[in-house]
Amino acid sequence: MKTMKHTVALMVLVGASSAFALDADFNTIDADGNGAISMEEASKYPELMSQFKDLDTDMNGELSEQEFAKAQ
């Protein structure tokens, strides 16, 4: 019975992490089409916002396509 509970808990955890995956591509998020994702554009995607500062490696306040690629 204990093993069954652990298995179910693991399945829930794995499901939650896949639900966290970003489901939009760069061009969709880059609403103004300027080739970068601003914090304002990213704010519509909580899963991206939670990673924004770590992904913005050049610290310019926006994500390039290369920086964004690391989120996926």
PDB file of N, CA and C in Angstrom:
ATOM      1  N   MET A   1       0.824  -1.196   0.000  1.00  0.00           N
ATOM      2  CA  MET A   1       0.000   0.000   0.000  1.00  0.00           C
ATOM      3  C   MET A   1       0.869   1.262   0.000  1.00  0.00           C
ATOM      4  N   LYS A   2       1.945   1.239   0.782  1.00  0.00           N
ATOM      5  CA  LYS A   2       2.836   2.389   0.843  1.00  0.00           C
ATOM      6  C   LYS A   2       3.490   2.640  -0.515  1.00  0.00           C
ATOM      7  N   THR A   3       3.856   1.563  -1.189  1.00  0.00           N
ATOM      8  CA  THR A   3       4.470   1.685  -2.513  1.00  0.00           C
ATOM      9  C   THR A   3       3.484   2.302  -3.500  1.00  0.00           C
ATOM     10  N   MET A   4       2.242   1.915  -3.386  1.00  0.00           N
ATOM     11  CA  MET A   4       1.203   2.464  -4.264  1.00  0.00           C
ATOM     12  C   MET A   4       1.070   3.971  -4.051  1.00  0.00           C
ATOM     13  N   LYS A   5       1.101   4.430  -2.825  1.00  0.00           N
ATOM     14  CA  LYS A   5       1.001   5.860  -2.529  1.00  0.00           C
ATOM     15  C   LYS A   5       2.207   6.605  -3.089  1.00  0.00           C
ATOM     16  N   HIS A   6       3.383   6.015  -2.963  1.00  0.00           N
ATOM     17  CA  HIS A   6       4.583   6.649  -3.500  1.00  0.00           C
ATOM     18  C   HIS A   6       4.524   6.723  -5.024  1.00  0.00           C
ATOM     19  N   THR A   7       4.021   5.674  -5.645  1.00  0.00           N
ATOM     20  CA  THR A   7       3.897   5.656  -7.099  1.00  0.00           C
ATOM     21  C   THR A   7       2.931   6.735  -7.572  1.00  0.00           C
ATOM     22  N   VAL A   8       1.806   6.858  -6.902  1.00  0.00           N
ATOM     23  CA  VAL A   8       0.822   7.880  -7.267  1.00  0.00           C
ATOM     24  C   VAL A   8       1.411   9.275  -7.057  1.00  0.00           C
ATOM     25  N   ALA A   9       2.111   9.479  -5.953  1.00  0.00           N
ATOM     26  CA  ALA A   9       2.726  10.778  -5.679  1.00  0.00           C
ATOM     27  C   ALA A   9       3.753  11.124  -6.756  1.00  0.00           C
ATOM     28  N   LEU A  10       4.518  10.152  -7.181  1.00  0.00           N
ATOM     29  CA  LEU A  10       5.509  10.374  -8.227  1.00  0.00           C
ATOM     30  C   LEU A  10       4.833  10.726  -9.552  1.00  0.00           C
ATOM     31  N   MET A  11       3.755  10.058  -9.864  1.00  0.00           N
ATOM     32  CA  MET A  11       3.024  10.337 -11.096  1.00  0.00           C
ATOM     33  C   MET A  11       2.468  11.763 -11.086  1.00  0.00           C
ATOM     34  N   VAL A  12       1.967  12.190  -9.966  1.00  0.00           N
ATOM     35  CA  VAL A  12       1.438  13.554  -9.841  1.00  0.00           C
ATOM     36  C   VAL A  12       2.560  14.563 -10.023  1.00  0.00           C
ATOM     37  N   LEU A  13       3.693  14.291  -9.418  1.00  0.00           N
ATOM     38  CA  LEU A  13       4.836  15.192  -9.523  1.00  0.00           C
ATOM     39  C   LEU A  13       5.330  15.301 -10.960  1.00  0.00           C
ATOM     40  N   VAL A  14       5.432  14.202 -11.651  1.00  0.00           N
ATOM     41  CA  VAL A  14       5.857  14.207 -13.049  1.00  0.00           C
ATOM     42  C   VAL A  14       4.836  14.949 -13.901  1.00  0.00           C
ATOM     43  N   GLY A  15       3.577  14.739 -13.648  1.00  0.00           N
ATOM     44  CA  GLY A  15       2.522  15.444 -14.382  1.00  0.00           C
ATOM     45  C   GLY A  15       2.587  16.930 -14.152  1.00  0.00           C
ATOM     46  N   ALA A  16       2.879  17.349 -12.942  1.00  0.00           N
ATOM     47  CA  ALA A  16       2.964  18.773 -12.623  1.00  0.00           C
ATOM     48  C   ALA A  16       4.142  19.410 -13.336  1.00  0.00           C
ATOM     49  N   SER A  17       5.261  18.715 -13.424  1.00  0.00           N
ATOM     50  CA  SER A  17       6.415  19.307 -14.091  1.00  0.00           C
ATOM     51  C   SER A  17       6.190  19.419 -15.593  1.00  0.00           C
ATOM     52  N   SER A  18       5.462  18.497 -16.199  1.00  0.00           N
ATOM     53  CA  SER A  18       5.184  18.632 -17.626  1.00  0.00           C
ATOM     54  C   SER A  18       4.139  19.708 -17.870  1.00  0.00           C
ATOM     55  N   ALA A  19       3.264  19.969 -16.922  1.00  0.00           N
ATOM     56  CA  ALA A  19       2.296  21.049 -17.055  1.00  0.00           C
ATOM     57  C   ALA A  19       2.996  22.397 -17.003  1.00  0.00           C
ATOM     58  N   PHE A  20       4.187  22.432 -16.428  1.00  0.00           N
ATOM     59  CA  PHE A  20       4.959  23.656 -16.308  1.00  0.00           C
ATOM     60  C   PHE A  20       5.639  24.033 -17.621  1.00  0.00           C
ATOM     61  N   ALA A  21       5.728  23.078 -18.521  1.00  0.00           N
ATOM     62  CA  ALA A  21       6.414  23.334 -19.791  1.00  0.00           C
ATOM     63  C   ALA A  21       5.746  24.480 -20.548  1.00  0.00           C
ATOM     64  N   LEU A  22       6.560  25.295 -21.163  1.00  0.00           N
ATOM     65  CA  LEU A  22       6.073  26.444 -21.912  1.00  0.00           C
ATOM     66  C   LEU A  22       5.375  25.960 -23.182  1.00  0.00           C
ATOM     67  N   ASP A  23       4.154  26.422 -23.389  1.00  0.00           N
ATOM     68  CA  ASP A  23       3.376  25.938 -24.530  1.00  0.00           C
ATOM     69  C   ASP A  23       3.228  26.975 -25.637  1.00  0.00           C
ATOM     70  N   ALA A  24       4.111  27.968 -25.687  1.00  0.00           N
ATOM     71  CA  ALA A  24       4.077  28.973 -26.743  1.00  0.00           C
ATOM     72  C   ALA A  24       5.486  29.129 -27.322  1.00  0.00           C
ATOM     73  N   ASP A  25       5.539  29.469 -28.592  1.00  0.00           N
ATOM     74  CA  ASP A  25       6.847  29.642 -29.199  1.00  0.00           C
ATOM     75  C   ASP A  25       7.286  31.108 -29.145  1.00  0.00           C
ATOM     76  N   PHE A  26       8.530  31.341 -29.507  1.00  0.00           N
ATOM     77  CA  PHE A  26       9.129  32.672 -29.420  1.00  0.00           C
ATOM     78  C   PHE A  26       8.298  33.719 -30.155  1.00  0.00           C
ATOM     79  N   ASN A  27       7.925  33.421 -31.387  1.00  0.00           N
ATOM     80  CA  ASN A  27       7.195  34.402 -32.197  1.00  0.00           C
ATOM     81  C   ASN A  27       5.818  34.722 -31.641  1.00  0.00           C
ATOM     82  N   THR A  28       5.198  33.773 -30.978  1.00  0.00           N
ATOM     83  CA  THR A  28       3.900  34.024 -30.356  1.00  0.00           C
ATOM     84  C   THR A  28       4.051  34.979 -29.179  1.00  0.00           C
ATOM     85  N   ILE A  29       5.066  34.756 -28.369  1.00  0.00           N
ATOM     86  CA  ILE A  29       5.276  35.589 -27.183  1.00  0.00           C
ATOM     87  C   ILE A  29       5.788  36.972 -27.573  1.00  0.00           C
ATOM     88  N   ASP A  30       6.627  37.043 -28.597  1.00  0.00           N
ATOM     89  CA  ASP A  30       7.149  38.322 -29.092  1.00  0.00           C
ATOM     90  C   ASP A  30       6.038  39.026 -29.886  1.00  0.00           C
ATOM     91  N   ALA A  31       5.052  39.538 -29.168  1.00  0.00           N
ATOM     92  CA  ALA A  31       3.834  40.085 -29.774  1.00  0.00           C
ATOM     93  C   ALA A  31       4.099  41.257 -30.718  1.00  0.00           C
ATOM     94  N   ASP A  32       5.087  42.084 -30.413  1.00  0.00           N
ATOM     95  CA  ASP A  32       5.350  43.236 -31.282  1.00  0.00           C
ATOM     96  C   ASP A  32       6.309  42.914 -32.426  1.00  0.00           C
ATOM     97  N   GLY A  33       6.827  41.686 -32.451  1.00  0.00           N
ATOM     98  CA  GLY A  33       7.666  41.231 -33.552  1.00  0.00           C
ATOM     99  C   GLY A  33       9.009  41.923 -33.682  1.00  0.00           C
ATOM    100  N   ASN A  34       9.533  42.456 -32.568  1.00  0.00           N
ATOM    101  CA  ASN A  34      10.810  43.179 -32.640  1.00  0.00           C
ATOM    102  C   ASN A  34      12.031  42.281 -32.446  1.00  0.00           C
ATOM    103  N   GLY A  35      11.821  40.973 -32.337  1.00  0.00           N
ATOM    104  CA  GLY A  35      12.946  40.054 -32.204  1.00  0.00           C
ATOM    105  C   GLY A  35      13.413  39.830 -30.783  1.00  0.00           C
ATOM    106  N   ALA A  36      12.654  40.317 -29.805  1.00  0.00           N
ATOM    107  CA  ALA A  36      12.991  40.126 -28.393  1.00  0.00           C
ATOM    108  C   ALA A  36      11.702  40.047 -27.579  1.00  0.00           C
ATOM    109  N   ILE A  37      11.765  39.326 -26.473  1.00  0.00           N
ATOM    110  CA  ILE A  37      10.621  39.218 -25.567  1.00  0.00           C
ATOM    111  C   ILE A  37      10.868  40.123 -24.373  1.00  0.00           C
ATOM    112  N   SER A  38      10.027  41.127 -24.240  1.00  0.00           N
ATOM    113  CA  SER A  38      10.142  42.048 -23.105  1.00  0.00           C
ATOM    114  C   SER A  38       9.514  41.412 -21.866  1.00  0.00           C
ATOM    115  N   MET A  39       9.768  42.019 -20.722  1.00  0.00           N
ATOM    116  CA  MET A  39       9.141  41.529 -19.489  1.00  0.00           C
ATOM    117  C   MET A  39       7.622  41.670 -19.591  1.00  0.00           C
ATOM    118  N   GLU A  40       7.159  42.723 -20.244  1.00  0.00           N
ATOM    119  CA  GLU A  40       5.715  42.914 -20.406  1.00  0.00           C
ATOM    120  C   GLU A  40       5.108  41.776 -21.228  1.00  0.00           C
ATOM    121  N   GLU A  41       5.772  41.408 -22.319  1.00  0.00           N
ATOM    122  CA  GLU A  41       5.282  40.298 -23.146  1.00  0.00           C
ATOM    123  C   GLU A  41       5.349  38.982 -22.365  1.00  0.00           C
ATOM    124  N   ALA A  42       6.420  38.773 -21.635  1.00  0.00           N
ATOM    125  CA  ALA A  42       6.591  37.532 -20.866  1.00  0.00           C
ATOM    126  C   ALA A  42       5.605  37.442 -19.709  1.00  0.00           C
ATOM    127  N   SER A  43       5.126  38.581 -19.226  1.00  0.00           N
ATOM    128  CA  SER A  43       4.245  38.578 -18.055  1.00  0.00           C
ATOM    129  C   SER A  43       2.945  37.824 -18.294  1.00  0.00           C
ATOM    130  N   LYS A  44       2.590  37.594 -19.545  1.00  0.00           N
ATOM    131  CA  LYS A  44       1.381  36.833 -19.868  1.00  0.00           C
ATOM    132  C   LYS A  44       1.604  35.324 -19.721  1.00  0.00           C
ATOM    133  N   TYR A  45       2.851  34.931 -19.446  1.00  0.00           N
ATOM    134  CA  TYR A  45       3.231  33.518 -19.329  1.00  0.00           C
ATOM    135  C   TYR A  45       3.948  33.313 -17.997  1.00  0.00           C
ATOM    136  N   PRO A  46       3.210  32.991 -16.933  1.00  0.00           N
ATOM    137  CA  PRO A  46       3.823  32.871 -15.605  1.00  0.00           C
ATOM    138  C   PRO A  46       5.011  31.915 -15.553  1.00  0.00           C
ATOM    139  N   GLU A  47       4.954  30.832 -16.342  1.00  0.00           N
ATOM    140  CA  GLU A  47       6.058  29.873 -16.338  1.00  0.00           C
ATOM    141  C   GLU A  47       7.325  30.486 -16.929  1.00  0.00           C
ATOM    142  N   LEU A  48       7.173  31.411 -17.868  1.00  0.00           N
ATOM    143  CA  LEU A  48       8.321  32.111 -18.423  1.00  0.00           C
ATOM    144  C   LEU A  48       8.812  33.192 -17.463  1.00  0.00           C
ATOM    145  N   MET A  49       7.885  33.911 -16.853  1.00  0.00           N
ATOM    146  CA  MET A  49       8.269  34.963 -15.908  1.00  0.00           C
ATOM    147  C   MET A  49       9.079  34.409 -14.739  1.00  0.00           C
ATOM    148  N   SER A  50       8.746  33.205 -14.312  1.00  0.00           N
ATOM    149  CA  SER A  50       9.471  32.621 -13.181  1.00  0.00           C
ATOM    150  C   SER A  50      10.933  32.332 -13.529  1.00  0.00           C
ATOM    151  N   GLN A  51      11.250  32.262 -14.826  1.00  0.00           N
ATOM    152  CA  GLN A  51      12.611  31.977 -15.273  1.00  0.00           C
ATOM    153  C   GLN A  51      13.289  33.189 -15.908  1.00  0.00           C
ATOM    154  N   PHE A  52      12.555  34.268 -16.087  1.00  0.00           N
ATOM    155  CA  PHE A  52      13.009  35.391 -16.911  1.00  0.00           C
ATOM    156  C   PHE A  52      14.393  35.892 -16.517  1.00  0.00           C
ATOM    157  N   LYS A  53      14.610  36.194 -15.252  1.00  0.00           N
ATOM    158  CA  LYS A  53      15.896  36.764 -14.825  1.00  0.00           C
ATOM    159  C   LYS A  53      17.055  35.805 -15.059  1.00  0.00           C
ATOM    160  N   ASP A  54      16.819  34.522 -14.882  1.00  0.00           N
ATOM    161  CA  ASP A  54      17.878  33.534 -15.124  1.00  0.00           C
ATOM    162  C   ASP A  54      18.176  33.391 -16.621  1.00  0.00           C
ATOM    163  N   LEU A  55      17.142  33.499 -17.442  1.00  0.00           N
ATOM    164  CA  LEU A  55      17.315  33.353 -18.889  1.00  0.00           C
ATOM    165  C   LEU A  55      17.954  34.585 -19.520  1.00  0.00           C
ATOM    166  N   ASP A  56      17.719  35.749 -18.942  1.00  0.00           N
ATOM    167  CA  ASP A  56      18.244  37.007 -19.484  1.00  0.00           C
ATOM    168  C   ASP A  56      19.723  37.143 -19.123  1.00  0.00           C
ATOM    169  N   THR A  57      20.557  36.357 -19.801  1.00  0.00           N
ATOM    170  CA  THR A  57      21.976  36.267 -19.428  1.00  0.00           C
ATOM    171  C   THR A  57      22.755  37.546 -19.692  1.00  0.00           C
ATOM    172  N   ASP A  58      22.327  38.349 -20.667  1.00  0.00           N
ATOM    173  CA  ASP A  58      23.027  39.625 -20.899  1.00  0.00           C
ATOM    174  C   ASP A  58      22.422  40.772 -20.083  1.00  0.00           C
ATOM    175  N   MET A  59      21.426  40.455 -19.300  1.00  0.00           N
ATOM    176  CA  MET A  59      20.781  41.383 -18.366  1.00  0.00           C
ATOM    177  C   MET A  59      20.333  42.691 -19.007  1.00  0.00           C
ATOM    178  N   ASN A  60      19.727  42.575 -20.200  1.00  0.00           N
ATOM    179  CA  ASN A  60      19.237  43.778 -20.872  1.00  0.00           C
ATOM    180  C   ASN A  60      17.733  43.973 -20.716  1.00  0.00           C
ATOM    181  N   GLY A  61      17.096  43.125 -19.917  1.00  0.00           N
ATOM    182  CA  GLY A  61      15.673  43.278 -19.645  1.00  0.00           C
ATOM    183  C   GLY A  61      14.754  42.676 -20.685  1.00  0.00           C
ATOM    184  N   GLU A  62      15.327  41.923 -21.619  1.00  0.00           N
ATOM    185  CA  GLU A  62      14.523  41.222 -22.611  1.00  0.00           C
ATOM    186  C   GLU A  62      15.231  39.928 -23.010  1.00  0.00           C
ATOM    187  N   LEU A  63      14.458  39.029 -23.608  1.00  0.00           N
ATOM    188  CA  LEU A  63      15.013  37.740 -24.016  1.00  0.00           C
ATOM    189  C   LEU A  63      15.177  37.680 -25.520  1.00  0.00           C
ATOM    190  N   SER A  64      16.374  37.334 -25.948  1.00  0.00           N
ATOM    191  CA  SER A  64      16.615  37.070 -27.366  1.00  0.00           C
ATOM    192  C   SER A  64      16.076  35.675 -27.678  1.00  0.00           C
ATOM    193  N   GLU A  65      16.038  35.339 -28.936  1.00  0.00           N
ATOM    194  CA  GLU A  65      15.579  34.000 -29.308  1.00  0.00           C
ATOM    195  C   GLU A  65      16.502  32.926 -28.731  1.00  0.00           C
ATOM    196  N   GLN A  66      17.806  33.208 -28.674  1.00  0.00           N
ATOM    197  CA  GLN A  66      18.752  32.245 -28.113  1.00  0.00           C
ATOM    198  C   GLN A  66      18.540  32.079 -26.602  1.00  0.00           C
ATOM    199  N   GLU A  67      18.303  33.179 -25.908  1.00  0.00           N
ATOM    200  CA  GLU A  67      18.050  33.088 -24.470  1.00  0.00           C
ATOM    201  C   GLU A  67      16.748  32.344 -24.207  1.00  0.00           C
ATOM    202  N   PHE A  68      15.730  32.651 -24.983  1.00  0.00           N
ATOM    203  CA  PHE A  68      14.420  32.008 -24.833  1.00  0.00           C
ATOM    204  C   PHE A  68      14.526  30.496 -25.073  1.00  0.00           C
ATOM    205  N   ALA A  69      15.359  30.074 -26.001  1.00  0.00           N
ATOM    206  CA  ALA A  69      15.497  28.658 -26.340  1.00  0.00           C
ATOM    207  C   ALA A  69      15.873  27.820 -25.125  1.00  0.00           C
ATOM    208  N   LYS A  70      16.543  28.411 -24.173  1.00  0.00           N
ATOM    209  CA  LYS A  70      16.948  27.677 -22.961  1.00  0.00           C
ATOM    210  C   LYS A  70      15.783  27.402 -22.037  1.00  0.00           C
ATOM    211  N   ALA A  71      14.650  28.080 -22.242  1.00  0.00           N
ATOM    212  CA  ALA A  71      13.458  27.872 -21.411  1.00  0.00           C
ATOM    213  C   ALA A  71      12.691  26.631 -21.831  1.00  0.00           C
ATOM    214  N   GLN A  72      12.930  26.170 -23.024  1.00  0.00           N
ATOM    215  CA  GLN A  72      12.134  25.050 -23.536  1.00  0.00           C
ATOM    216  C   GLN A  72      12.779  23.761 -23.305  1.00  0.00           C
TER     217      GLN A  72
END
